[in-house]
Amino acid sequence: EIKISNGLKNIHSRDENLKYSNVLDRISS
C-alpha cells in the first residue's frame, strides 16, 4: 500500500537564542 500521512500540529519548538531555529515559524510532518 501507499499512503500520504500529514501532521496538523506545529512540531517546531521555537527558541529565539538558536541560530538555526529562530528563523523558522512552523514545521509540519
mmCIF file of all heavy atoms, coordinates in Angstrom:
data_MODEL
# 
_entry.id   MODEL 
# 
loop_
_atom_site.group_PDB 
_atom_site.id 
_atom_site.type_symbol 
_atom_site.label_atom_id 
_atom_site.label_alt_id 
_atom_site.label_comp_id 
_atom_site.label_asym_id 
_atom_site.label_entity_id 
_atom_site.label_seq_id 
_atom_site.pdbx_PDB_ins_code 
_atom_site.Cartn_x 
_atom_site.Cartn_y 
_atom_site.Cartn_z 
_atom_site.occupancy 
_atom_site.B_iso_or_equiv 
_atom_site.pdbx_formal_charge 
_atom_site.auth_seq_id 
_atom_site.auth_comp_id 
_atom_site.auth_asym_id 
_atom_site.auth_atom_id 
_atom_site.pdbx_PDB_model_num 
ATOM 1   N N   . GLU A 1 1  ? 0.842  -1.187 0.000  1.00 0.00 ? 1  GLU A N   1 
ATOM 2   C CA  . GLU A 1 1  ? 0.000  0.000  0.000  1.00 0.00 ? 1  GLU A CA  1 
ATOM 3   C C   . GLU A 1 1  ? 0.878  1.238  0.000  1.00 0.00 ? 1  GLU A C   1 
ATOM 4   O O   . GLU A 1 1  ? 2.021  1.203  0.444  1.00 0.00 ? 1  GLU A O   1 
ATOM 5   C CB  . GLU A 1 1  ? -0.974 0.014  1.184  1.00 0.00 ? 1  GLU A CB  1 
ATOM 6   C CG  . GLU A 1 1  ? -0.383 0.349  2.505  1.00 0.00 ? 1  GLU A CG  1 
ATOM 7   C CD  . GLU A 1 1  ? -1.384 0.313  3.658  1.00 0.00 ? 1  GLU A CD  1 
ATOM 8   O OE1 . GLU A 1 1  ? -2.383 -0.425 3.600  1.00 0.00 ? 1  GLU A OE1 1 
ATOM 9   O OE2 . GLU A 1 1  ? -1.131 1.032  4.637  1.00 0.00 ? 1  GLU A OE2 1 
ATOM 10  N N   . ILE A 1 2  ? 0.312  2.311  -0.502 1.00 0.00 ? 2  ILE A N   1 
ATOM 11  C CA  . ILE A 1 2  ? 0.986  3.607  -0.462 1.00 0.00 ? 2  ILE A CA  1 
ATOM 12  C C   . ILE A 1 2  ? -0.001 4.607  0.135  1.00 0.00 ? 2  ILE A C   1 
ATOM 13  O O   . ILE A 1 2  ? -1.183 4.579  -0.192 1.00 0.00 ? 2  ILE A O   1 
ATOM 14  C CB  . ILE A 1 2  ? 1.495  4.054  -1.859 1.00 0.00 ? 2  ILE A CB  1 
ATOM 15  C CG1 . ILE A 1 2  ? 2.372  5.291  -1.735 1.00 0.00 ? 2  ILE A CG1 1 
ATOM 16  C CG2 . ILE A 1 2  ? 0.366  4.248  -2.826 1.00 0.00 ? 2  ILE A CG2 1 
ATOM 17  C CD1 . ILE A 1 2  ? 3.248  5.551  -2.921 1.00 0.00 ? 2  ILE A CD1 1 
ATOM 18  N N   . LYS A 1 3  ? 0.500  5.434  1.046  1.00 0.00 ? 3  LYS A N   1 
ATOM 19  C CA  . LYS A 1 3  ? -0.387 6.396  1.707  1.00 0.00 ? 3  LYS A CA  1 
ATOM 20  C C   . LYS A 1 3  ? 0.340  7.710  1.947  1.00 0.00 ? 3  LYS A C   1 
ATOM 21  O O   . LYS A 1 3  ? 1.565  7.764  2.009  1.00 0.00 ? 3  LYS A O   1 
ATOM 22  C CB  . LYS A 1 3  ? -0.951 5.832  3.011  1.00 0.00 ? 3  LYS A CB  1 
ATOM 23  C CG  . LYS A 1 3  ? 0.072  5.528  4.061  1.00 0.00 ? 3  LYS A CG  1 
ATOM 24  C CD  . LYS A 1 3  ? -0.583 4.880  5.267  1.00 0.00 ? 3  LYS A CD  1 
ATOM 25  C CE  . LYS A 1 3  ? 0.490  4.427  6.248  1.00 0.00 ? 3  LYS A CE  1 
ATOM 26  N NZ  . LYS A 1 3  ? -0.066 3.740  7.380  1.00 0.00 ? 3  LYS A NZ  1 
ATOM 27  N N   . ILE A 1 4  ? -0.457 8.744  2.090  1.00 0.00 ? 4  ILE A N   1 
ATOM 28  C CA  . ILE A 1 4  ? 0.034  10.070 2.435  1.00 0.00 ? 4  ILE A CA  1 
ATOM 29  C C   . ILE A 1 4  ? -0.337 10.300 3.887  1.00 0.00 ? 4  ILE A C   1 
ATOM 30  O O   . ILE A 1 4  ? -1.474 10.082 4.286  1.00 0.00 ? 4  ILE A O   1 
ATOM 31  C CB  . ILE A 1 4  ? -0.591 11.139 1.530  1.00 0.00 ? 4  ILE A CB  1 
ATOM 32  C CG1 . ILE A 1 4  ? -0.129 10.924 0.097  1.00 0.00 ? 4  ILE A CG1 1 
ATOM 33  C CG2 . ILE A 1 4  ? -0.231 12.536 2.012  1.00 0.00 ? 4  ILE A CG2 1 
ATOM 34  C CD1 . ILE A 1 4  ? -0.820 11.804 -0.904 1.00 0.00 ? 4  ILE A CD1 1 
ATOM 35  N N   . SER A 1 5  ? 0.632  10.739 4.670  1.00 0.00 ? 5  SER A N   1 
ATOM 36  C CA  . SER A 1 5  ? 0.435  10.977 6.093  1.00 0.00 ? 5  SER A CA  1 
ATOM 37  C C   . SER A 1 5  ? 0.886  12.397 6.404  1.00 0.00 ? 5  SER A C   1 
ATOM 38  O O   . SER A 1 5  ? 2.059  12.723 6.235  1.00 0.00 ? 5  SER A O   1 
ATOM 39  C CB  . SER A 1 5  ? 1.250  9.956  6.891  1.00 0.00 ? 5  SER A CB  1 
ATOM 40  O OG  . SER A 1 5  ? 1.122  10.165 8.258  1.00 0.00 ? 5  SER A OG  1 
ATOM 41  N N   . ASN A 1 6  ? -0.044 13.234 6.841  1.00 0.00 ? 6  ASN A N   1 
ATOM 42  C CA  . ASN A 1 6  ? 0.258  14.639 7.125  1.00 0.00 ? 6  ASN A CA  1 
ATOM 43  C C   . ASN A 1 6  ? -0.054 14.977 8.570  1.00 0.00 ? 6  ASN A C   1 
ATOM 44  O O   . ASN A 1 6  ? -1.133 14.658 9.067  1.00 0.00 ? 6  ASN A O   1 
ATOM 45  C CB  . ASN A 1 6  ? -0.544 15.571 6.218  1.00 0.00 ? 6  ASN A CB  1 
ATOM 46  C CG  . ASN A 1 6  ? -0.041 15.568 4.800  1.00 0.00 ? 6  ASN A CG  1 
ATOM 47  O OD1 . ASN A 1 6  ? 1.133  15.367 4.552  1.00 0.00 ? 6  ASN A OD1 1 
ATOM 48  N ND2 . ASN A 1 6  ? -0.935 15.779 3.865  1.00 0.00 ? 6  ASN A ND2 1 
ATOM 49  N N   . GLY A 1 7  ? 0.893  15.637 9.227  1.00 0.00 ? 7  GLY A N   1 
ATOM 50  C CA  . GLY A 1 7  ? 0.667  16.123 10.578 1.00 0.00 ? 7  GLY A CA  1 
ATOM 51  C C   . GLY A 1 7  ? -0.019 17.480 10.543 1.00 0.00 ? 7  GLY A C   1 
ATOM 52  O O   . GLY A 1 7  ? 0.235  18.289 9.654  1.00 0.00 ? 7  GLY A O   1 
ATOM 53  N N   . LEU A 1 8  ? -0.878 17.744 11.507 1.00 0.00 ? 8  LEU A N   1 
ATOM 54  C CA  . LEU A 1 8  ? -1.610 19.007 11.559 1.00 0.00 ? 8  LEU A CA  1 
ATOM 55  C C   . LEU A 1 8  ? -1.021 19.989 12.558 1.00 0.00 ? 8  LEU A C   1 
ATOM 56  O O   . LEU A 1 8  ? -1.305 21.176 12.505 1.00 0.00 ? 8  LEU A O   1 
ATOM 57  C CB  . LEU A 1 8  ? -3.077 18.743 11.912 1.00 0.00 ? 8  LEU A CB  1 
ATOM 58  C CG  . LEU A 1 8  ? -3.843 17.891 10.912 1.00 0.00 ? 8  LEU A CG  1 
ATOM 59  C CD1 . LEU A 1 8  ? -5.229 17.579 11.433 1.00 0.00 ? 8  LEU A CD1 1 
ATOM 60  C CD2 . LEU A 1 8  ? -3.916 18.591 9.568  1.00 0.00 ? 8  LEU A CD2 1 
ATOM 61  N N   . LYS A 1 9  ? -0.200 19.507 13.463 1.00 0.00 ? 9  LYS A N   1 
ATOM 62  C CA  . LYS A 1 9  ? 0.333  20.338 14.537 1.00 0.00 ? 9  LYS A CA  1 
ATOM 63  C C   . LYS A 1 9  ? 1.692  20.934 14.138 1.00 0.00 ? 9  LYS A C   1 
ATOM 64  O O   . LYS A 1 9  ? 2.445  20.325 13.388 1.00 0.00 ? 9  LYS A O   1 
ATOM 65  C CB  . LYS A 1 9  ? 0.494  19.479 15.790 1.00 0.00 ? 9  LYS A CB  1 
ATOM 66  C CG  . LYS A 1 9  ? 0.958  20.229 16.990 1.00 0.00 ? 9  LYS A CG  1 
ATOM 67  C CD  . LYS A 1 9  ? 1.074  19.303 18.195 1.00 0.00 ? 9  LYS A CD  1 
ATOM 68  C CE  . LYS A 1 9  ? 1.639  20.095 19.348 1.00 0.00 ? 9  LYS A CE  1 
ATOM 69  N NZ  . LYS A 1 9  ? 2.165  19.265 20.376 1.00 0.00 ? 9  LYS A NZ  1 
ATOM 70  N N   . ASN A 1 10 ? 1.989  22.110 14.657 1.00 0.00 ? 10 ASN A N   1 
ATOM 71  C CA  . ASN A 1 10 ? 3.315  22.694 14.508 1.00 0.00 ? 10 ASN A CA  1 
ATOM 72  C C   . ASN A 1 10 ? 4.243  21.979 15.490 1.00 0.00 ? 10 ASN A C   1 
ATOM 73  O O   . ASN A 1 10 ? 4.108  22.127 16.696 1.00 0.00 ? 10 ASN A O   1 
ATOM 74  C CB  . ASN A 1 10 ? 3.283  24.193 14.799 1.00 0.00 ? 10 ASN A CB  1 
ATOM 75  C CG  . ASN A 1 10 ? 4.636  24.845 14.666 1.00 0.00 ? 10 ASN A CG  1 
ATOM 76  O OD1 . ASN A 1 10 ? 5.591  24.252 14.174 1.00 0.00 ? 10 ASN A OD1 1 
ATOM 77  N ND2 . ASN A 1 10 ? 4.726  26.084 15.106 1.00 0.00 ? 10 ASN A ND2 1 
ATOM 78  N N   . ILE A 1 11 ? 5.192  21.190 14.984 1.00 0.00 ? 11 ILE A N   1 
ATOM 79  C CA  . ILE A 1 11 ? 6.067  20.428 15.867 1.00 0.00 ? 11 ILE A CA  1 
ATOM 80  C C   . ILE A 1 11 ? 7.384  21.150 16.158 1.00 0.00 ? 11 ILE A C   1 
ATOM 81  O O   . ILE A 1 11 ? 8.240  20.622 16.856 1.00 0.00 ? 11 ILE A O   1 
ATOM 82  C CB  . ILE A 1 11 ? 6.346  19.009 15.310 1.00 0.00 ? 11 ILE A CB  1 
ATOM 83  C CG1 . ILE A 1 11 ? 6.971  19.065 13.922 1.00 0.00 ? 11 ILE A CG1 1 
ATOM 84  C CG2 . ILE A 1 11 ? 5.080  18.181 15.312 1.00 0.00 ? 11 ILE A CG2 1 
ATOM 85  C CD1 . ILE A 1 11 ? 7.417  17.731 13.393 1.00 0.00 ? 11 ILE A CD1 1 
ATOM 86  N N   . HIS A 1 12 ? 7.519  22.362 15.655 1.00 0.00 ? 12 HIS A N   1 
ATOM 87  C CA  . HIS A 1 12 ? 8.729  23.141 15.913 1.00 0.00 ? 12 HIS A CA  1 
ATOM 88  C C   . HIS A 1 12 ? 8.638  23.782 17.294 1.00 0.00 ? 12 HIS A C   1 
ATOM 89  O O   . HIS A 1 12 ? 7.678  24.463 17.620 1.00 0.00 ? 12 HIS A O   1 
ATOM 90  C CB  . HIS A 1 12 ? 8.885  24.219 14.845 1.00 0.00 ? 12 HIS A CB  1 
ATOM 91  C CG  . HIS A 1 12 ? 10.123 25.035 15.008 1.00 0.00 ? 12 HIS A CG  1 
ATOM 92  N ND1 . HIS A 1 12 ? 10.093 26.393 15.065 1.00 0.00 ? 12 HIS A ND1 1 
ATOM 93  C CD2 . HIS A 1 12 ? 11.417 24.684 15.142 1.00 0.00 ? 12 HIS A CD2 1 
ATOM 94  C CE1 . HIS A 1 12 ? 11.320 26.858 15.204 1.00 0.00 ? 12 HIS A CE1 1 
ATOM 95  N NE2 . HIS A 1 12 ? 12.139 25.836 15.259 1.00 0.00 ? 12 HIS A NE2 1 
ATOM 96  N N   . SER A 1 13 ? 9.653  23.570 18.101 1.00 0.00 ? 13 SER A N   1 
ATOM 97  C CA  . SER A 1 13 ? 9.740  24.199 19.416 1.00 0.00 ? 13 SER A CA  1 
ATOM 98  C C   . SER A 1 13 ? 10.715 25.371 19.262 1.00 0.00 ? 13 SER A C   1 
ATOM 99  O O   . SER A 1 13 ? 11.921 25.217 19.378 1.00 0.00 ? 13 SER A O   1 
ATOM 100 C CB  . SER A 1 13 ? 10.242 23.188 20.447 1.00 0.00 ? 13 SER A CB  1 
ATOM 101 O OG  . SER A 1 13 ? 10.298 23.764 21.713 1.00 0.00 ? 13 SER A OG  1 
ATOM 102 N N   . ARG A 1 14 ? 10.170 26.524 18.954 1.00 0.00 ? 14 ARG A N   1 
ATOM 103 C CA  . ARG A 1 14 ? 10.976 27.696 18.592 1.00 0.00 ? 14 ARG A CA  1 
ATOM 104 C C   . ARG A 1 14 ? 11.774 28.222 19.778 1.00 0.00 ? 14 ARG A C   1 
ATOM 105 O O   . ARG A 1 14 ? 11.271 28.340 20.885 1.00 0.00 ? 14 ARG A O   1 
ATOM 106 C CB  . ARG A 1 14 ? 10.056 28.790 18.067 1.00 0.00 ? 14 ARG A CB  1 
ATOM 107 C CG  . ARG A 1 14 ? 10.790 29.884 17.366 1.00 0.00 ? 14 ARG A CG  1 
ATOM 108 C CD  . ARG A 1 14 ? 9.848  30.599 16.410 1.00 0.00 ? 14 ARG A CD  1 
ATOM 109 N NE  . ARG A 1 14 ? 10.599 31.558 15.658 1.00 0.00 ? 14 ARG A NE  1 
ATOM 110 C CZ  . ARG A 1 14 ? 10.770 32.820 16.048 1.00 0.00 ? 14 ARG A CZ  1 
ATOM 111 N NH1 . ARG A 1 14 ? 10.229 33.249 17.154 1.00 0.00 ? 14 ARG A NH1 1 
ATOM 112 N NH2 . ARG A 1 14 ? 11.484 33.638 15.327 1.00 0.00 ? 14 ARG A NH2 1 
ATOM 113 N N   . ASP A 1 15 ? 13.038 28.547 19.516 1.00 0.00 ? 15 ASP A N   1 
ATOM 114 C CA  . ASP A 1 15 ? 13.924 29.112 20.527 1.00 0.00 ? 15 ASP A CA  1 
ATOM 115 C C   . ASP A 1 15 ? 14.630 30.306 19.901 1.00 0.00 ? 15 ASP A C   1 
ATOM 116 O O   . ASP A 1 15 ? 15.407 30.154 18.950 1.00 0.00 ? 15 ASP A O   1 
ATOM 117 C CB  . ASP A 1 15 ? 14.930 28.053 20.997 1.00 0.00 ? 15 ASP A CB  1 
ATOM 118 C CG  . ASP A 1 15 ? 15.736 28.503 22.191 1.00 0.00 ? 15 ASP A CG  1 
ATOM 119 O OD1 . ASP A 1 15 ? 15.874 29.722 22.413 1.00 0.00 ? 15 ASP A OD1 1 
ATOM 120 O OD2 . ASP A 1 15 ? 16.256 27.621 22.907 1.00 0.00 ? 15 ASP A OD2 1 
ATOM 121 N N   . GLU A 1 16 ? 14.371 31.483 20.411 1.00 0.00 ? 16 GLU A N   1 
ATOM 122 C CA  . GLU A 1 16 ? 14.943 32.726 19.873 1.00 0.00 ? 16 GLU A CA  1 
ATOM 123 C C   . GLU A 1 16 ? 16.465 32.758 19.930 1.00 0.00 ? 16 GLU A C   1 
ATOM 124 O O   . GLU A 1 16 ? 17.097 33.470 19.168 1.00 0.00 ? 16 GLU A O   1 
ATOM 125 C CB  . GLU A 1 16 ? 14.392 33.933 20.646 1.00 0.00 ? 16 GLU A CB  1 
ATOM 126 C CG  . GLU A 1 16 ? 12.907 34.155 20.486 1.00 0.00 ? 16 GLU A CG  1 
ATOM 127 C CD  . GLU A 1 16 ? 12.546 34.699 19.114 1.00 0.00 ? 16 GLU A CD  1 
ATOM 128 O OE1 . GLU A 1 16 ? 13.403 35.331 18.464 1.00 0.00 ? 16 GLU A OE1 1 
ATOM 129 O OE2 . GLU A 1 16 ? 11.400 34.489 18.705 1.00 0.00 ? 16 GLU A OE2 1 
ATOM 130 N N   . ASN A 1 17 ? 17.057 31.989 20.830 1.00 0.00 ? 17 ASN A N   1 
ATOM 131 C CA  . ASN A 1 17 ? 18.510 32.038 21.030 1.00 0.00 ? 17 ASN A CA  1 
ATOM 132 C C   . ASN A 1 17 ? 19.289 31.114 20.105 1.00 0.00 ? 17 ASN A C   1 
ATOM 133 O O   . ASN A 1 17 ? 20.513 31.141 20.125 1.00 0.00 ? 17 ASN A O   1 
ATOM 134 C CB  . ASN A 1 17 ? 18.837 31.691 22.483 1.00 0.00 ? 17 ASN A CB  1 
ATOM 135 C CG  . ASN A 1 17 ? 18.189 32.669 23.437 1.00 0.00 ? 17 ASN A CG  1 
ATOM 136 O OD1 . ASN A 1 17 ? 18.152 33.870 23.177 1.00 0.00 ? 17 ASN A OD1 1 
ATOM 137 N ND2 . ASN A 1 17 ? 17.641 32.157 24.519 1.00 0.00 ? 17 ASN A ND2 1 
ATOM 138 N N   . LEU A 1 18 ? 18.611 30.295 19.343 1.00 0.00 ? 18 LEU A N   1 
ATOM 139 C CA  . LEU A 1 18 ? 19.300 29.344 18.467 1.00 0.00 ? 18 LEU A CA  1 
ATOM 140 C C   . LEU A 1 18 ? 19.311 29.847 17.031 1.00 0.00 ? 18 LEU A C   1 
ATOM 141 O O   . LEU A 1 18 ? 18.266 30.144 16.452 1.00 0.00 ? 18 LEU A O   1 
ATOM 142 C CB  . LEU A 1 18 ? 18.627 27.973 18.541 1.00 0.00 ? 18 LEU A CB  1 
ATOM 143 C CG  . LEU A 1 18 ? 18.580 27.335 19.923 1.00 0.00 ? 18 LEU A CG  1 
ATOM 144 C CD1 . LEU A 1 18 ? 17.875 26.006 19.864 1.00 0.00 ? 18 LEU A CD1 1 
ATOM 145 C CD2 . LEU A 1 18 ? 19.984 27.176 20.489 1.00 0.00 ? 18 LEU A CD2 1 
ATOM 146 N N   . LYS A 1 19 ? 20.487 29.920 16.449 1.00 0.00 ? 19 LYS A N   1 
ATOM 147 C CA  . LYS A 1 19 ? 20.678 30.470 15.112 1.00 0.00 ? 19 LYS A CA  1 
ATOM 148 C C   . LYS A 1 19 ? 19.846 29.743 14.063 1.00 0.00 ? 19 LYS A C   1 
ATOM 149 O O   . LYS A 1 19 ? 19.244 30.365 13.201 1.00 0.00 ? 19 LYS A O   1 
ATOM 150 C CB  . LYS A 1 19 ? 22.164 30.386 14.753 1.00 0.00 ? 19 LYS A CB  1 
ATOM 151 C CG  . LYS A 1 19 ? 22.499 30.772 13.337 1.00 0.00 ? 19 LYS A CG  1 
ATOM 152 C CD  . LYS A 1 19 ? 23.970 30.604 13.076 1.00 0.00 ? 19 LYS A CD  1 
ATOM 153 C CE  . LYS A 1 19 ? 24.321 30.899 11.638 1.00 0.00 ? 19 LYS A CE  1 
ATOM 154 N NZ  . LYS A 1 19 ? 25.734 30.702 11.361 1.00 0.00 ? 19 LYS A NZ  1 
ATOM 155 N N   . TYR A 1 20 ? 19.816 28.414 14.119 1.00 0.00 ? 20 TYR A N   1 
ATOM 156 C CA  . TYR A 1 20 ? 19.136 27.641 13.088 1.00 0.00 ? 20 TYR A CA  1 
ATOM 157 C C   . TYR A 1 20 ? 17.660 27.407 13.406 1.00 0.00 ? 20 TYR A C   1 
ATOM 158 O O   . TYR A 1 20 ? 16.922 26.902 12.591 1.00 0.00 ? 20 TYR A O   1 
ATOM 159 C CB  . TYR A 1 20 ? 19.849 26.314 12.864 1.00 0.00 ? 20 TYR A CB  1 
ATOM 160 C CG  . TYR A 1 20 ? 21.233 26.510 12.309 1.00 0.00 ? 20 TYR A CG  1 
ATOM 161 C CD1 . TYR A 1 20 ? 22.356 26.273 13.079 1.00 0.00 ? 20 TYR A CD1 1 
ATOM 162 C CD2 . TYR A 1 20 ? 21.411 26.959 11.014 1.00 0.00 ? 20 TYR A CD2 1 
ATOM 163 C CE1 . TYR A 1 20 ? 23.628 26.477 12.571 1.00 0.00 ? 20 TYR A CE1 1 
ATOM 164 C CE2 . TYR A 1 20 ? 22.675 27.165 10.489 1.00 0.00 ? 20 TYR A CE2 1 
ATOM 165 C CZ  . TYR A 1 20 ? 23.780 26.923 11.274 1.00 0.00 ? 20 TYR A CZ  1 
ATOM 166 O OH  . TYR A 1 20 ? 25.029 27.132 10.752 1.00 0.00 ? 20 TYR A OH  1 
ATOM 167 N N   . SER A 1 21 ? 17.231 27.765 14.573 1.00 0.00 ? 21 SER A N   1 
ATOM 168 C CA  . SER A 1 21 ? 15.838 27.567 14.973 1.00 0.00 ? 21 SER A CA  1 
ATOM 169 C C   . SER A 1 21 ? 15.021 28.849 14.904 1.00 0.00 ? 21 SER A C   1 
ATOM 170 O O   . SER A 1 21 ? 13.834 28.817 14.605 1.00 0.00 ? 21 SER A O   1 
ATOM 171 C CB  . SER A 1 21 ? 15.781 26.999 16.388 1.00 0.00 ? 21 SER A CB  1 
ATOM 172 O OG  . SER A 1 21 ? 14.473 26.762 16.790 1.00 0.00 ? 21 SER A OG  1 
ATOM 173 N N   . ASN A 1 22 ? 15.647 29.984 15.167 1.00 0.00 ? 22 ASN A N   1 
ATOM 174 C CA  . ASN A 1 22 ? 14.875 31.225 15.280 1.00 0.00 ? 22 ASN A CA  1 
ATOM 175 C C   . ASN A 1 22 ? 14.354 31.756 13.952 1.00 0.00 ? 22 ASN A C   1 
ATOM 176 O O   . ASN A 1 22 ? 13.524 32.645 13.932 1.00 0.00 ? 22 ASN A O   1 
ATOM 177 C CB  . ASN A 1 22 ? 15.671 32.307 16.025 1.00 0.00 ? 22 ASN A CB  1 
ATOM 178 C CG  . ASN A 1 22 ? 16.890 32.755 15.275 1.00 0.00 ? 22 ASN A CG  1 
ATOM 179 O OD1 . ASN A 1 22 ? 17.119 32.373 14.138 1.00 0.00 ? 22 ASN A OD1 1 
ATOM 180 N ND2 . ASN A 1 22 ? 17.706 33.566 15.917 1.00 0.00 ? 22 ASN A ND2 1 
ATOM 181 N N   . VAL A 1 23 ? 14.805 31.249 12.817 1.00 0.00 ? 23 VAL A N   1 
ATOM 182 C CA  . VAL A 1 23 ? 14.318 31.720 11.521 1.00 0.00 ? 23 VAL A CA  1 
ATOM 183 C C   . VAL A 1 23 ? 13.101 30.932 11.040 1.00 0.00 ? 23 VAL A C   1 
ATOM 184 O O   . VAL A 1 23 ? 12.507 31.281 10.025 1.00 0.00 ? 23 VAL A O   1 
ATOM 185 C CB  . VAL A 1 23 ? 15.430 31.671 10.448 1.00 0.00 ? 23 VAL A CB  1 
ATOM 186 C CG1 . VAL A 1 23 ? 16.530 32.650 10.781 1.00 0.00 ? 23 VAL A CG1 1 
ATOM 187 C CG2 . VAL A 1 23 ? 15.948 30.273 10.261 1.00 0.00 ? 23 VAL A CG2 1 
ATOM 188 N N   . LEU A 1 24 ? 12.730 29.887 11.751 1.00 0.00 ? 24 LEU A N   1 
ATOM 189 C CA  . LEU A 1 24 ? 11.589 29.061 11.364 1.00 0.00 ? 24 LEU A CA  1 
ATOM 190 C C   . LEU A 1 24 ? 10.384 29.367 12.238 1.00 0.00 ? 24 LEU A C   1 
ATOM 191 O O   . LEU A 1 24 ? 10.515 29.573 13.435 1.00 0.00 ? 24 LEU A O   1 
ATOM 192 C CB  . LEU A 1 24 ? 11.935 27.576 11.500 1.00 0.00 ? 24 LEU A CB  1 
ATOM 193 C CG  . LEU A 1 24 ? 13.110 27.076 10.679 1.00 0.00 ? 24 LEU A CG  1 
ATOM 194 C CD1 . LEU A 1 24 ? 13.422 25.642 11.026 1.00 0.00 ? 24 LEU A CD1 1 
ATOM 195 C CD2 . LEU A 1 24 ? 12.829 27.219 9.204  1.00 0.00 ? 24 LEU A CD2 1 
ATOM 196 N N   . ASP A 1 25 ? 9.224  29.361 11.625 1.00 0.00 ? 25 ASP A N   1 
ATOM 197 C CA  . ASP A 1 25 ? 7.990  29.580 12.366 1.00 0.00 ? 25 ASP A CA  1 
ATOM 198 C C   . ASP A 1 25 ? 7.251  28.265 12.598 1.00 0.00 ? 25 ASP A C   1 
ATOM 199 O O   . ASP A 1 25 ? 6.721  28.028 13.668 1.00 0.00 ? 25 ASP A O   1 
ATOM 200 C CB  . ASP A 1 25 ? 7.086  30.540 11.592 1.00 0.00 ? 25 ASP A CB  1 
ATOM 201 C CG  . ASP A 1 25 ? 5.793  30.841 12.302 1.00 0.00 ? 25 ASP A CG  1 
ATOM 202 O OD1 . ASP A 1 25 ? 5.816  30.936 13.546 1.00 0.00 ? 25 ASP A OD1 1 
ATOM 203 O OD2 . ASP A 1 25 ? 4.756  30.982 11.623 1.00 0.00 ? 25 ASP A OD2 1 
ATOM 204 N N   . ARG A 1 26 ? 7.210  27.389 11.592 1.00 0.00 ? 26 ARG A N   1 
ATOM 205 C CA  . ARG A 1 26 ? 6.412  26.175 11.666 1.00 0.00 ? 26 ARG A CA  1 
ATOM 206 C C   . ARG A 1 26 ? 7.113  25.030 10.941 1.00 0.00 ? 26 ARG A C   1 
ATOM 207 O O   . ARG A 1 26 ? 7.657  25.224 9.857  1.00 0.00 ? 26 ARG A O   1 
ATOM 208 C CB  . ARG A 1 26 ? 5.050  26.438 11.039 1.00 0.00 ? 26 ARG A CB  1 
ATOM 209 C CG  . ARG A 1 26 ? 4.121  25.262 11.019 1.00 0.00 ? 26 ARG A CG  1 
ATOM 210 C CD  . ARG A 1 26 ? 2.766  25.639 10.396 1.00 0.00 ? 26 ARG A CD  1 
ATOM 211 N NE  . ARG A 1 26 ? 1.901  24.502 10.392 1.00 0.00 ? 26 ARG A NE  1 
ATOM 212 C CZ  . ARG A 1 26 ? 1.134  24.128 11.414 1.00 0.00 ? 26 ARG A CZ  1 
ATOM 213 N NH1 . ARG A 1 26 ? 1.129  24.853 12.510 1.00 0.00 ? 26 ARG A NH1 1 
ATOM 214 N NH2 . ARG A 1 26 ? 0.366  23.067 11.339 1.00 0.00 ? 26 ARG A NH2 1 
ATOM 215 N N   . ILE A 1 27 ? 7.047  23.856 11.545 1.00 0.00 ? 27 ILE A N   1 
ATOM 216 C CA  . ILE A 1 27 ? 7.484  22.620 10.901 1.00 0.00 ? 27 ILE A CA  1 
ATOM 217 C C   . ILE A 1 27 ? 6.338  21.628 11.069 1.00 0.00 ? 27 ILE A C   1 
ATOM 218 O O   . ILE A 1 27 ? 5.855  21.407 12.173 1.00 0.00 ? 27 ILE A O   1 
ATOM 219 C CB  . ILE A 1 27 ? 8.769  22.052 11.532 1.00 0.00 ? 27 ILE A CB  1 
ATOM 220 C CG1 . ILE A 1 27 ? 9.935  23.018 11.358 1.00 0.00 ? 27 ILE A CG1 1 
ATOM 221 C CG2 . ILE A 1 27 ? 9.113  20.702 10.906 1.00 0.00 ? 27 ILE A CG2 1 
ATOM 222 C CD1 . ILE A 1 27 ? 11.219 22.574 12.041 1.00 0.00 ? 27 ILE A CD1 1 
ATOM 223 N N   . SER A 1 28 ? 5.914  21.036 9.967  1.00 0.00 ? 28 SER A N   1 
ATOM 224 C CA  . SER A 1 28 ? 4.864  20.023 9.990  1.00 0.00 ? 28 SER A CA  1 
ATOM 225 C C   . SER A 1 28 ? 5.414  18.745 9.382  1.00 0.00 ? 28 SER A C   1 
ATOM 226 O O   . SER A 1 28 ? 6.229  18.795 8.466  1.00 0.00 ? 28 SER A O   1 
ATOM 227 C CB  . SER A 1 28 ? 3.651  20.467 9.172  1.00 0.00 ? 28 SER A CB  1 
ATOM 228 O OG  . SER A 1 28 ? 3.096  21.630 9.718  1.00 0.00 ? 28 SER A OG  1 
ATOM 229 N N   . SER A 1 29 ? 4.943  17.615 9.889  1.00 0.00 ? 29 SER A N   1 
ATOM 230 C CA  . SER A 1 29 ? 5.394  16.342 9.325  1.00 0.00 ? 29 SER A CA  1 
ATOM 231 C C   . SER A 1 29 ? 4.537  15.998 8.115  1.00 0.00 ? 29 SER A C   1 
ATOM 232 O O   . SER A 1 29 ? 3.311  16.103 8.150  1.00 0.00 ? 29 SER A O   1 
ATOM 233 C CB  . SER A 1 29 ? 5.320  15.231 10.375 1.00 0.00 ? 29 SER A CB  1 
ATOM 234 O OG  . SER A 1 29 ? 4.003  15.035 10.795 1.00 0.00 ? 29 SER A OG  1 
# 
